[in-house]
C-alpha atoms as a PDB file:
ATOM      1  CA  MET A   1     -58.427  44.983 -41.765  1.00  0.00           C
ATOM      2  CA  ALA A   2     -55.204  46.994 -40.827  1.00  0.00           C
ATOM      3  CA  SER A   3     -54.952  47.179 -36.477  1.00  0.00           C
ATOM      4  CA  GLU A   4     -55.996  50.883 -35.465  1.00  0.00           C
ATOM      5  CA  GLY A   5     -52.784  51.582 -33.649  1.00  0.00           C
ATOM      6  CA  GLY A   6     -49.589  50.516 -35.756  1.00  0.00           C
ATOM      7  CA  SER A   7     -45.642  51.029 -35.500  1.00  0.00           C
ATOM      8  CA  THR A   8     -44.447  54.702 -36.356  1.00  0.00           C
ATOM      9  CA  VAL A   9     -41.418  54.482 -38.474  1.00  0.00           C
ATOM     10  CA  PRO A  10     -38.674  56.485 -37.318  1.00  0.00           C
ATOM     11  CA  GLY A  11     -38.751  60.184 -38.597  1.00  0.00           C
ATOM     12  CA  ARG A  12     -42.203  60.238 -40.038  1.00  0.00           C
ATOM     13  CA  ASP A  13     -45.253  61.819 -38.604  1.00  0.00           C
ATOM     14  CA  PRO A  14     -46.514  59.716 -35.395  1.00  0.00           C
ATOM     15  CA  ALA A  15     -49.909  60.070 -36.908  1.00  0.00           C
ATOM     16  CA  TRP A  16     -48.799  57.369 -39.663  1.00  0.00           C
ATOM     17  CA  LYS A  17     -49.614  54.618 -37.043  1.00  0.00           C
ATOM     18  CA  TYR A  18     -53.182  55.135 -37.071  1.00  0.00           C
ATOM     19  CA  CYS A  19     -53.210  55.079 -41.094  1.00  0.00           C
ATOM     20  CA  SER A  20     -51.622  52.514 -44.073  1.00  0.00           C
ATOM     21  CA  PRO A  21     -50.185  53.942 -46.936  1.00  0.00           C
ATOM     22  CA  ILE A  22     -51.018  53.523 -50.780  1.00  0.00           C
ATOM     23  CA  GLU A  23     -48.864  52.463 -53.251  1.00  0.00           C
ATOM     24  CA  GLY A  24     -47.987  54.346 -55.724  1.00  0.00           C
ATOM     25  CA  ASN A  25     -49.385  57.924 -54.032  1.00  0.00           C
ATOM     26  CA  ARG A  26     -46.956  59.225 -51.766  1.00  0.00           C
ATOM     27  CA  ASN A  27     -50.073  61.495 -50.741  1.00  0.00           C
ATOM     28  CA  ALA A  28     -52.678  59.119 -50.343  1.00  0.00           C
ATOM     29  CA  THR A  29     -53.906  57.438 -47.138  1.00  0.00           C
ATOM     30  CA  ILE A  30     -56.066  54.633 -45.727  1.00  0.00           C
ATOM     31  CA  CYS A  31     -57.495  55.294 -41.953  1.00  0.00           C
ATOM     32  CA  ASN A  32     -57.274  52.347 -39.532  1.00  0.00           C
ATOM     33  CA  PHE A  33     -60.381  53.565 -38.031  1.00  0.00           C
ATOM     34  CA  CYS A  34     -63.206  53.632 -40.351  1.00  0.00           C
ATOM     35  CA  GLY A  35     -60.995  52.775 -43.654  1.00  0.00           C
ATOM     36  CA  LEU A  36     -61.922  55.995 -45.460  1.00  0.00           C
ATOM     37  CA  VAL A  37     -59.582  56.626 -48.568  1.00  0.00           C
ATOM     38  CA  MET A  38     -58.247  60.032 -49.155  1.00  0.00           C
ATOM     39  CA  LYS A  39     -56.070  60.187 -52.350  1.00  0.00           C
ATOM     40  CA  SER A  40     -55.113  63.383 -51.775  1.00  0.00           C
ATOM     41  CA  GLY A  41     -53.579  66.258 -49.312  1.00  0.00           C
ATOM     42  CA  GLY A  42     -51.340  63.032 -47.140  1.00  0.00           C
ATOM     43  CA  ILE A  43     -50.666  63.288 -43.175  1.00  0.00           C
ATOM     44  CA  THR A  44     -51.513  66.734 -42.802  1.00  0.00           C
ATOM     45  CA  ARG A  45     -55.122  66.251 -44.197  1.00  0.00           C
ATOM     46  CA  PHE A  46     -55.462  62.635 -42.571  1.00  0.00           C
ATOM     47  CA  LYS A  47     -54.696  64.830 -39.098  1.00  0.00           C
ATOM     48  CA  SER A  48     -57.387  66.713 -39.945  1.00  0.00           C
ATOM     49  CA  HIS A  49     -59.736  63.975 -40.288  1.00  0.00           C
ATOM     50  CA  LEU A  50     -59.019  62.456 -37.046  1.00  0.00           C
ATOM     51  CA  MET A  51     -59.201  65.546 -35.532  1.00  0.00           C
ATOM     52  CA  HIS A  52     -62.368  66.774 -36.578  1.00  0.00           C
ATOM     53  CA  LYS A  53     -60.792  70.234 -37.545  1.00  0.00           C
ATOM     54  CA  ASP A  54     -60.022  71.202 -40.596  1.00  0.00           C
ATOM     55  CA  PRO A  55     -59.357  75.245 -41.621  1.00  0.00           C
ATOM     56  CA  HIS A  56     -61.483  74.329 -45.405  1.00  0.00           C
ATOM     57  CA  ASN A  57     -63.849  72.430 -44.081  1.00  0.00           C
ATOM     58  CA  ASN A  58     -62.927  70.188 -46.962  1.00  0.00           C
ATOM     59  CA  THR A  59     -62.085  66.079 -45.500  1.00  0.00           C
ATOM     60  CA  LYS A  60     -64.539  64.044 -44.231  1.00  0.00           C
ATOM     61  CA  LYS A  61     -64.834  63.762 -40.193  1.00  0.00           C
ATOM     62  CA  CYS A  62     -63.950  60.486 -38.849  1.00  0.00           C
ATOM     63  CA  PRO A  63     -66.654  58.713 -36.647  1.00  0.00           C
ATOM     64  CA  ARG A  64     -64.550  55.755 -35.463  1.00  0.00           C
ATOM     65  CA  VAL A  65     -61.560  57.259 -34.205  1.00  0.00           C
ATOM     66  CA  PRO A  66     -61.212  57.116 -29.998  1.00  0.00           C
ATOM     67  CA  PRO A  67     -61.317  60.041 -28.039  1.00  0.00           C
ATOM     68  CA  GLU A  68     -57.676  59.397 -26.796  1.00  0.00           C
ATOM     69  CA  VAL A  69     -56.587  59.312 -30.330  1.00  0.00           C
ATOM     70  CA  LYS A  70     -58.117  62.203 -31.408  1.00  0.00           C
ATOM     71  CA  GLU A  71     -56.715  64.164 -28.679  1.00  0.00           C
ATOM     72  CA  GLU A  72     -53.670  62.733 -29.143  1.00  0.00           C
ATOM     73  CA  ILE A  73     -53.413  64.107 -32.665  1.00  0.00           C
ATOM     74  CA  ARG A  74     -54.975  67.650 -32.018  1.00  0.00           C
ATOM     75  CA  LEU A  75     -51.404  67.661 -29.794  1.00  0.00           C
ATOM     76  CA  LEU A  76     -49.262  67.040 -31.987  1.00  0.00           C
ATOM     77  CA  VAL A  77     -50.817  69.691 -34.491  1.00  0.00           C
ATOM     78  CA  HIS A  78     -50.506  72.297 -31.672  1.00  0.00           C
ATOM     79  CA  ASP A  79     -46.691  71.356 -30.914  1.00  0.00           C
ATOM     80  CA  LYS A  80     -45.747  71.539 -34.657  1.00  0.00           C
ATOM     81  CA  GLN A  81     -47.484  74.907 -35.068  1.00  0.00           C
ATOM     82  CA  LYS A  82     -45.942  76.124 -31.763  1.00  0.00           C
ATOM     83  CA  ALA A  83     -42.451  74.882 -33.192  1.00  0.00           C
ATOM     84  CA  LYS A  84     -42.830  76.300 -36.711  1.00  0.00           C
ATOM     85  CA  ALA A  85     -43.588  79.526 -35.419  1.00  0.00           C
ATOM     86  CA  LYS A  86     -41.137  79.943 -33.058  1.00  0.00           C
ATOM     87  CA  LYS A  87     -38.818  78.444 -36.115  1.00  0.00           C
ATOM     88  CA  ASN A  88     -40.066  81.749 -38.165  1.00  0.00           C
ATOM     89  CA  ALA A  89     -39.727  83.878 -35.161  1.00  0.00           C
ATOM     90  CA  ASP A  90     -35.682  83.339 -34.733  1.00  0.00           C
ATOM     91  CA  ILE A  91     -35.705  83.520 -38.496  1.00  0.00           C
ATOM     92  CA  GLU A  92     -37.012  87.136 -38.516  1.00  0.00           C
ATOM     93  CA  GLU A  93     -34.944  88.260 -35.615  1.00  0.00           C
ATOM     94  CA  ILE A  94     -31.998  87.433 -37.244  1.00  0.00           C
ATOM     95  CA  ARG A  95     -33.027  88.705 -40.694  1.00  0.00           C
ATOM     96  CA  SER A  96     -34.073  91.987 -38.596  1.00  0.00           C
ATOM     97  CA  GLN A  97     -30.690  92.078 -37.183  1.00  0.00           C
ATOM     98  CA  LEU A  98     -29.476  92.189 -41.283  1.00  0.00           C
ATOM     99  CA  ARG A  99     -32.134  94.575 -42.386  1.00  0.00           C
ATOM    100  CA  GLY A 100     -31.435  97.116 -39.393  1.00  0.00           C
ATOM    101  CA  THR A 101     -34.630  98.336 -39.988  1.00  0.00           C
ATOM    102  CA  MET A 102     -37.641  96.145 -39.354  1.00  0.00           C
ATOM    103  CA  GLY A 103     -38.755  95.344 -35.656  1.00  0.00           C
ATOM    104  CA  THR A 104     -38.272  92.604 -33.731  1.00  0.00           C
ATOM    105  CA  HIS A 105     -42.166  91.871 -32.587  1.00  0.00           C
ATOM    106  CA  HIS A 106     -44.037  90.535 -35.794  1.00  0.00           C
ATOM    107  CA  THR A 107     -46.612  88.081 -36.651  1.00  0.00           C
ATOM    108  CA  HIS A 108     -46.684  85.425 -39.605  1.00  0.00           C
ATOM    109  CA  LEU A 109     -49.014  84.181 -41.843  1.00  0.00           C
ATOM    110  CA  VAL A 110     -48.521  80.400 -41.536  1.00  0.00           C
ATOM    111  CA  ASN A 111     -49.781  78.517 -44.920  1.00  0.00           C
ATOM    112  CA  GLU A 112     -52.078  75.310 -43.380  1.00  0.00           C
ATOM    113  CA  ASP A 113     -51.968  73.188 -46.070  1.00  0.00           C
ATOM    114  CA  ASP A 114     -48.023  72.667 -45.846  1.00  0.00           C
ATOM    115  CA  ASP A 115     -47.343  68.842 -45.537  1.00  0.00           C
ATOM    116  CA  ASP A 116     -45.058  68.289 -42.719  1.00  0.00           C
ATOM    117  CA  GLU A 117     -43.030  66.311 -44.488  1.00  0.00           C
ATOM    118  CA  ASP A 118     -43.029  67.139 -47.864  1.00  0.00           C
ATOM    119  CA  ALA A 119     -43.433  70.690 -48.279  1.00  0.00           C
ATOM    120  CA  GLU A 120     -40.318  72.699 -48.964  1.00  0.00           C
ATOM    121  CA  GLU A 121     -39.681  75.796 -46.982  1.00  0.00           C
ATOM    122  CA  GLU A 122     -40.517  79.353 -48.120  1.00  0.00           C
ATOM    123  CA  ASP A 123     -39.911  82.890 -46.848  1.00  0.00           C
ATOM    124  CA  VAL A 124     -42.468  84.263 -44.988  1.00  0.00           C
ATOM    125  CA  TYR A 125     -42.986  87.959 -45.326  1.00  0.00           C
ATOM    126  CA  MET A 126     -43.491  89.508 -41.826  1.00  0.00           C
ATOM    127  CA  TYR A 127     -45.916  92.469 -40.425  1.00  0.00           C
ATOM    128  CA  PRO A 128     -46.163  94.401 -37.118  1.00  0.00           C
ATOM    129  CA  THR A 129     -48.734  92.800 -34.914  1.00  0.00           C
ATOM    130  CA  ASP A 130     -50.524  95.584 -34.650  1.00  0.00           C
ATOM    131  CA  MET A 131     -51.196  96.295 -38.461  1.00  0.00           C
ATOM    132  CA  HIS A 132     -54.422  96.080 -40.241  1.00  0.00           C
ATOM    133  CA  PRO A 133     -54.364  94.031 -43.515  1.00  0.00           C
ATOM    134  CA  ASP A 134     -55.417  96.566 -45.858  1.00  0.00           C
ATOM    135  CA  GLU A 135     -51.908  98.292 -44.810  1.00  0.00           C
ATOM    136  CA  ARG A 136     -49.674  95.452 -45.521  1.00  0.00           C
ATOM    137  CA  ASP A 137     -49.517  96.397 -49.126  1.00  0.00           C
ATOM    138  CA  ALA A 138     -48.183  99.937 -48.541  1.00  0.00           C
ATOM    139  CA  TYR A 139     -46.095  98.708 -45.327  1.00  0.00           C
ATOM    140  CA  ARG A 140     -44.330  95.841 -47.952  1.00  0.00           C
ATOM    141  CA  SER A 141     -43.562  98.421 -50.774  1.00  0.00           C
ATOM    142  CA  ALA A 142     -42.382 101.658 -47.851  1.00  0.00           C
ATOM    143  CA  VAL A 143     -39.730  98.454 -45.965  1.00  0.00           C
ATOM    144  CA  ARG A 144     -38.617  97.600 -49.519  1.00  0.00           C
ATOM    145  CA  ALA A 145     -38.387 100.930 -51.486  1.00  0.00           C
ATOM    146  CA  SER A 146     -35.857 101.886 -47.868  1.00  0.00           C
ATOM    147  CA  LYS A 147     -34.181  99.001 -48.427  1.00  0.00           C
ATOM    148  CA  ALA A 148     -33.115  99.701 -52.267  1.00  0.00           C
ATOM    149  CA  SER A 149     -32.553 103.155 -51.277  1.00  0.00           C
ATOM    150  CA  ASN A 150     -30.355 102.675 -48.409  1.00  0.00           C
ATOM    151  CA  TRP A 151     -28.209  99.966 -50.394  1.00  0.00           C
ATOM    152  CA  GLU A 152     -28.197 101.928 -53.667  1.00  0.00           C
ATOM    153  CA  ARG A 153     -26.822 105.343 -51.302  1.00  0.00           C
ATOM    154  CA  GLU A 154     -23.935 103.220 -49.832  1.00  0.00           C
ATOM    155  CA  GLN A 155     -22.598 101.866 -53.458  1.00  0.00           C
ATOM    156  CA  HIS A 156     -22.812 104.943 -54.497  1.00  0.00           C
ATOM    157  CA  GLU A 157     -20.670 106.734 -51.552  1.00  0.00           C
ATOM    158  CA  ASN A 158     -18.119 103.531 -52.084  1.00  0.00           C
ATOM    159  CA  ILE A 159     -17.776 104.170 -55.951  1.00  0.00           C
ATOM    160  CA  VAL A 160     -17.847 108.347 -55.624  1.00  0.00           C
ATOM    161  CA  GLY A 161     -15.645 107.007 -52.776  1.00  0.00           C
ATOM    162  CA  SER A 162     -12.993 105.458 -55.062  1.00  0.00           C
ATOM    163  CA  LYS A 163     -13.471 107.541 -58.192  1.00  0.00           C
ATOM    164  CA  ARG A 164     -12.492 110.705 -56.428  1.00  0.00           C
ATOM    165  CA  LYS A 165      -8.719 108.428 -54.548  1.00  0.00           C
ATOM    166  CA  SER A 166      -8.325 107.426 -58.137  1.00  0.00           C
ATOM    167  CA  GLY A 167      -8.693 110.543 -60.151  1.00  0.00           C
ATOM    168  CA  GLU A 168     -11.442 108.538 -62.416  1.00  0.00           C
ATOM    169  CA  SER A 169     -13.913 110.402 -64.570  1.00  0.00           C
ATOM    170  CA  SER A 170     -17.441 109.294 -66.039  1.00  0.00           C
ATOM    171  CA  THR A 171     -17.363 106.483 -68.852  1.00  0.00           C
ATOM    172  CA  GLY A 172     -20.762 107.352 -69.982  1.00  0.00           C
ATOM    173  CA  ILE A 173     -22.260 103.969 -68.917  1.00  0.00           C
ATOM    174  CA  PRO A 174     -25.114 103.838 -66.933  1.00  0.00           C
ATOM    175  CA  SER A 175     -24.712 104.533 -63.384  1.00  0.00           C
ATOM    176  CA  THR A 176     -26.462 101.309 -62.388  1.00  0.00           C
ATOM    177  CA  MET A 177     -23.970  99.602 -64.102  1.00  0.00           C
ATOM    178  CA  ARG A 178     -20.885 101.719 -63.687  1.00  0.00           C
ATOM    179  CA  LYS A 179     -21.590 100.116 -59.746  1.00  0.00           C
ATOM    180  CA  SER A 180     -21.882  96.752 -61.527  1.00  0.00           C
ATOM    181  CA  GLN A 181     -18.376  97.653 -62.567  1.00  0.00           C
ATOM    182  CA  ASN A 182     -17.249  98.524 -59.133  1.00  0.00           C
ATOM    183  CA  ILE A 183     -18.540  95.444 -57.667  1.00  0.00           C
ATOM    184  CA  PHE A 184     -16.698  92.781 -59.331  1.00  0.00           C
ATOM    185  CA  LYS A 185     -13.400  95.070 -58.310  1.00  0.00           C
ATOM    186  CA  GLY A 186     -11.580  92.579 -56.188  1.00  0.00           C
ATOM    187  CA  GLY A 187     -11.453  89.189 -57.803  1.00  0.00           C
ATOM    188  CA  ALA A 188     -13.836  87.519 -55.838  1.00  0.00           C
ATOM    189  CA  ILE A 189     -16.436  87.579 -59.124  1.00  0.00           C
ATOM    190  CA  LYS A 190     -18.657  84.400 -57.883  1.00  0.00           C
ATOM    191  CA  GLU A 191     -19.413  85.069 -54.294  1.00  0.00           C
ATOM    192  CA  THR A 192     -19.882  89.034 -54.969  1.00  0.00           C
ATOM    193  CA  MET A 193     -22.484  87.601 -57.856  1.00  0.00           C
ATOM    194  CA  GLY A 194     -23.573  85.577 -55.527  1.00  0.00           C
ATOM    195  CA  ARG A 195     -24.827  88.315 -52.848  1.00  0.00           C
ATOM    196  CA  LEU A 196     -26.154  90.693 -54.978  1.00  0.00           C
ATOM    197  CA  ILE A 197     -28.309  87.357 -56.262  1.00  0.00           C
ATOM    198  CA  SER A 198     -29.595  86.132 -52.731  1.00  0.00           C
ATOM    199  CA  LYS A 199     -30.160  90.072 -51.845  1.00  0.00           C
ATOM    200  CA  PHE A 200     -33.063  90.085 -54.394  1.00  0.00           C
ATOM    201  CA  PHE A 201     -33.861  86.720 -53.070  1.00  0.00           C
ATOM    202  CA  ILE A 202     -34.331  87.829 -49.199  1.00  0.00           C
ATOM    203  CA  TYR A 203     -35.192  91.370 -49.404  1.00  0.00           C
ATOM    204  CA  GLU A 204     -38.481  90.559 -51.705  1.00  0.00           C
ATOM    205  CA  SER A 205     -39.704  86.829 -50.084  1.00  0.00           C
ATOM    206  CA  VAL A 206     -38.338  85.293 -52.517  1.00  0.00           C
ATOM    207  CA  ALA A 207     -38.400  81.418 -52.283  1.00  0.00           C
ATOM    208  CA  PRO A 208     -35.132  80.163 -52.226  1.00  0.00           C
ATOM    209  CA  ALA A 209     -36.462  77.027 -54.333  1.00  0.00           C
ATOM    210  CA  LYS A 210     -37.056  79.527 -57.152  1.00  0.00           C
ATOM    211  CA  ALA A 211     -33.029  79.329 -57.692  1.00  0.00           C
ATOM    212  CA  LYS A 212     -33.736  76.480 -59.285  1.00  0.00           C
ATOM    213  CA  SER A 213     -36.152  77.446 -62.082  1.00  0.00           C
ATOM    214  CA  HIS A 214     -35.262  77.206 -65.539  1.00  0.00           C
ATOM    215  CA  HIS A 215     -36.573  80.572 -66.045  1.00  0.00           C
ATOM    216  CA  PHE A 216     -34.202  82.292 -63.426  1.00  0.00           C
ATOM    217  CA  LYS A 217     -31.603  80.024 -64.709  1.00  0.00           C
ATOM    218  CA  ASN A 218     -32.263  81.682 -68.420  1.00  0.00           C
ATOM    219  CA  MET A 219     -32.616  85.014 -66.949  1.00  0.00           C
ATOM    220  CA  ILE A 220     -28.893  84.966 -66.116  1.00  0.00           C
ATOM    221  CA  ILE A 221     -27.281  83.647 -68.516  1.00  0.00           C
ATOM    222  CA  GLY A 222     -29.477  86.095 -70.860  1.00  0.00           C
ATOM    223  CA  ALA A 223     -28.110  88.811 -68.785  1.00  0.00           C
ATOM    224  CA  GLN A 224     -24.820  87.791 -69.157  1.00  0.00           C
ATOM    225  CA  GLN A 225     -24.767  87.674 -72.464  1.00  0.00           C
ATOM    226  CA  ALA A 226     -26.236  90.940 -73.642  1.00  0.00           C
ATOM    227  CA  GLY A 227     -23.664  92.736 -71.847  1.00  0.00           C
ATOM    228  CA  MET A 228     -23.050  96.048 -70.347  1.00  0.00           C
ATOM    229  CA  GLY A 229     -25.297  98.479 -70.886  1.00  0.00           C
ATOM    230  CA  ILE A 230     -28.440  97.345 -71.282  1.00  0.00           C
ATOM    231  CA  GLU A 231     -31.475  98.340 -68.567  1.00  0.00           C
ATOM    232  CA  PRO A 232     -34.512  95.561 -66.983  1.00  0.00           C
ATOM    233  CA  PRO A 233     -37.472  95.715 -68.008  1.00  0.00           C
ATOM    234  CA  SER A 234     -39.578  97.944 -66.228  1.00  0.00           C
ATOM    235  CA  PRO A 235     -43.091  97.283 -63.996  1.00  0.00           C
ATOM    236  CA  TYR A 236     -45.403  98.528 -66.139  1.00  0.00           C
ATOM    237  CA  GLU A 237     -43.247  96.761 -69.373  1.00  0.00           C
ATOM    238  CA  ILE A 238     -43.774  93.007 -67.311  1.00  0.00           C
ATOM    239  CA  LYS A 239     -47.219  93.115 -66.409  1.00  0.00           C
ATOM    240  CA  ASN A 240     -47.719  95.000 -70.010  1.00  0.00           C
ATOM    241  CA  LYS A 241     -45.454  94.454 -72.619  1.00  0.00           C
ATOM    242  CA  TYR A 242     -43.734  90.975 -71.882  1.00  0.00           C
ATOM    243  CA  LEU A 243     -46.530  90.089 -70.096  1.00  0.00           C
ATOM    244  CA  GLU A 244     -48.675  89.730 -73.200  1.00  0.00           C
ATOM    245  CA  MET A 245     -45.812  88.453 -75.131  1.00  0.00           C
ATOM    246  CA  GLU A 246     -45.767  85.257 -72.779  1.00  0.00           C
ATOM    247  CA  TYR A 247     -49.840  85.213 -73.475  1.00  0.00           C
ATOM    248  CA  LYS A 248     -49.379  85.133 -77.121  1.00  0.00           C
ATOM    249  CA  GLU A 249     -46.812  82.590 -77.369  1.00  0.00           C
ATOM    250  CA  MET A 250     -48.507  80.158 -74.651  1.00  0.00           C
ATOM    251  CA  GLU A 251     -51.612  80.256 -77.142  1.00  0.00           C
ATOM    252  CA  ALA A 252     -49.488  79.740 -80.096  1.00  0.00           C
ATOM    253  CA  TYR A 253     -48.261  76.392 -78.685  1.00  0.00           C
ATOM    254  CA  VAL A 254     -51.689  75.439 -77.670  1.00  0.00           C
ATOM    255  CA  ASN A 255     -52.976  76.229 -81.378  1.00  0.00           C
ATOM    256  CA  GLN A 256     -49.718  73.461 -82.004  1.00  0.00           C
ATOM    257  CA  GLN A 257     -50.605  71.064 -79.847  1.00  0.00           C
ATOM    258  CA  ARG A 258     -54.293  71.545 -80.849  1.00  0.00           C
ATOM    259  CA  GLU A 259     -53.243  70.579 -84.451  1.00  0.00           C
ATOM    260  CA  LYS A 260     -51.388  67.365 -83.232  1.00  0.00           C
ATOM    261  CA  TRP A 261     -54.805  66.026 -81.378  1.00  0.00           C
ATOM    262  CA  LYS A 262     -56.769  65.951 -84.909  1.00  0.00           C
ATOM    263  CA  THR A 263     -53.979  63.332 -85.677  1.00  0.00           C
ATOM    264  CA  TYR A 264     -53.237  61.512 -82.706  1.00  0.00           C
ATOM    265  CA  GLY A 265     -56.195  61.711 -80.730  1.00  0.00           C
ATOM    266  CA  CYS A 266     -56.215  62.781 -77.126  1.00  0.00           C
ATOM    267  CA  THR A 267     -58.033  61.894 -73.713  1.00  0.00           C
ATOM    268  CA  ILE A 268     -59.691  64.601 -71.575  1.00  0.00           C
ATOM    269  CA  MET A 269     -59.131  64.290 -68.230  1.00  0.00           C
ATOM    270  CA  SER A 270     -60.537  66.194 -64.951  1.00  0.00           C
ATOM    271  CA  TYR A 271     -60.453  66.579 -61.574  1.00  0.00           C
ATOM    272  CA  GLY A 272     -62.597  68.214 -59.106  1.00  0.00           C
ATOM    273  CA  TRP A 273     -61.041  70.344 -55.330  1.00  0.00           C
ATOM    274  CA  THR A 274     -62.559  72.786 -53.034  1.00  0.00           C
ATOM    275  CA  GLY A 275     -61.094  75.836 -51.933  1.00  0.00           C
ATOM    276  CA  PRO A 276     -61.380  78.129 -49.653  1.00  0.00           C
ATOM    277  CA  THR A 277     -63.376  80.219 -51.203  1.00  0.00           C
ATOM    278  CA  LYS A 278     -66.117  77.225 -50.998  1.00  0.00           C
ATOM    279  CA  LEU A 279     -66.170  77.141 -54.514  1.00  0.00           C
ATOM    280  CA  SER A 280     -66.235  73.469 -56.322  1.00  0.00           C
ATOM    281  CA  ILE A 281     -63.780  74.063 -59.192  1.00  0.00           C
ATOM    282  CA  ILE A 282     -63.517  71.067 -61.949  1.00  0.00           C
ATOM    283  CA  ASN A 283     -60.366  71.354 -64.058  1.00  0.00           C
ATOM    284  CA  PHE A 284     -60.403  69.956 -67.108  1.00  0.00           C
ATOM    285  CA  MET A 285     -56.965  69.120 -69.430  1.00  0.00           C
ATOM    286  CA  VAL A 286     -56.020  67.133 -72.582  1.00  0.00           C
ATOM    287  CA  TYR A 287     -53.362  64.593 -73.019  1.00  0.00           C
ATOM    288  CA  SER A 288     -51.936  63.657 -76.332  1.00  0.00           C
ATOM    289  CA  LYS A 289     -48.833  62.184 -77.513  1.00  0.00           C
ATOM    290  CA  GLY A 290     -47.017  62.739 -73.820  1.00  0.00           C
ATOM    291  CA  THR A 291     -47.920  65.946 -73.767  1.00  0.00           C
ATOM    292  CA  THR A 292     -50.331  67.470 -71.231  1.00  0.00           C
ATOM    293  CA  VAL A 293     -52.245  70.959 -71.871  1.00  0.00           C
ATOM    294  CA  PHE A 294     -54.771  72.821 -69.429  1.00  0.00           C
ATOM    295  CA  LEU A 295     -57.633  73.500 -71.056  1.00  0.00           C
ATOM    296  CA  LYS A 296     -60.753  75.514 -68.480  1.00  0.00           C
ATOM    297  CA  SER A 297     -61.793  75.352 -64.843  1.00  0.00           C
ATOM    298  CA  VAL A 298     -65.258  75.412 -64.447  1.00  0.00           C
ATOM    299  CA  ASP A 299     -66.950  76.788 -61.067  1.00  0.00           C
ATOM    300  CA  ALA A 300     -69.514  73.538 -60.714  1.00  0.00           C
ATOM    301  CA  SER A 301     -70.708  74.375 -56.214  1.00  0.00           C
ATOM    302  CA  ASN A 302     -73.982  74.453 -57.363  1.00  0.00           C
ATOM    303  CA  TYR A 303     -74.170  70.782 -58.917  1.00  0.00           C
ATOM    304  CA  ILE A 304     -73.584  67.445 -57.799  1.00  0.00           C
ATOM    305  CA  LYS A 305     -70.521  65.786 -59.587  1.00  0.00           C
ATOM    306  CA  ASP A 306     -71.447  63.000 -60.661  1.00  0.00           C
ATOM    307  CA  HIS A 307     -71.100  61.348 -64.138  1.00  0.00           C
ATOM    308  CA  LYS A 308     -74.845  61.850 -65.079  1.00  0.00           C
ATOM    309  CA  TYR A 309     -73.322  65.894 -64.773  1.00  0.00           C
ATOM    310  CA  ILE A 310     -70.167  65.455 -66.751  1.00  0.00           C
ATOM    311  CA  VAL A 311     -72.456  64.002 -69.256  1.00  0.00           C
ATOM    312  CA  ASP A 312     -75.085  66.507 -69.486  1.00  0.00           C
ATOM    313  CA  PRO A 313     -75.361  68.224 -72.690  1.00  0.00           C
ATOM    314  CA  ALA A 314     -75.507  71.669 -71.293  1.00  0.00           C
ATOM    315  CA  PHE A 315     -72.102  71.325 -69.519  1.00  0.00           C
ATOM    316  CA  ARG A 316     -70.623  69.991 -72.294  1.00  0.00           C
ATOM    317  CA  LEU A 317     -71.619  73.470 -73.804  1.00  0.00           C
ATOM    318  CA  ASN A 318     -70.447  75.347 -70.915  1.00  0.00           C
ATOM    319  CA  ALA A 319     -66.923  73.385 -70.562  1.00  0.00           C
ATOM    320  CA  PHE A 320     -66.201  73.091 -74.335  1.00  0.00           C
ATOM    321  CA  PRO A 321     -68.206  76.107 -76.084  1.00  0.00           C
ATOM    322  CA  THR A 322     -67.714  76.147 -80.013  1.00  0.00           C
END
């Protein structure tokens, strides 16, 4: 049996001294006190197991954890949350100074499921402390509109002023495109483009890690190849025309994979999870010839999810209707 209080590896969460990892699964832990094996959630979920406090009530409490260890983990989690809150507040104070329109007193939303070691930092949108949750959408829209309006006005004033000094006339190119032409005058094209793109990430609270997305890179390449004068899609076009096109493209891809299943065979895989809404969901995927396709989610909240339930004809009819 593993020792109840092992040594801590430098740079790792101190709670690791009370559990053992499972080789090949970086998110799995084995409790040194009760032997419970958790195959997901990482060290964050394990700490909930020890301190008997899980915001989603989805973690079994350790029956053998000593009181002093339970208190140690509770203080550890409290200190980390406090440090994270201070860090977010410091970041937002800097952003507030840059933006010039948002106040310095804010509250923030913390994702309690973040793994302290592995989670990538994402931008968190801030709200005034006395704001009701129902008002946040309107507040966010107002701030974004204000930022966009101020930026557009500044750019317009700069462009109009430069044209008046140089005596340039209108070129017939859309106003937004003329602004871009003026912006790139001066030589520092890459840096200017970087700033324009970064403004979108910063002011729209988009996680910087999304810049690695191949969809983002394709968007930039496509815009470069399209050239001047091509207006971007409107919000209505994105949520209607282009969303429908994406759906049909994905539907065609899945149907193409279905034909391959007939030739090469396939394996149906499933896993279950319980979220904050307390719904117990089973997700089904199909694996075939190196490709995995999501098939369906089934609400199994009112059933015991054992092998008898999975092979039950009524369940199969609900999960895979003909």
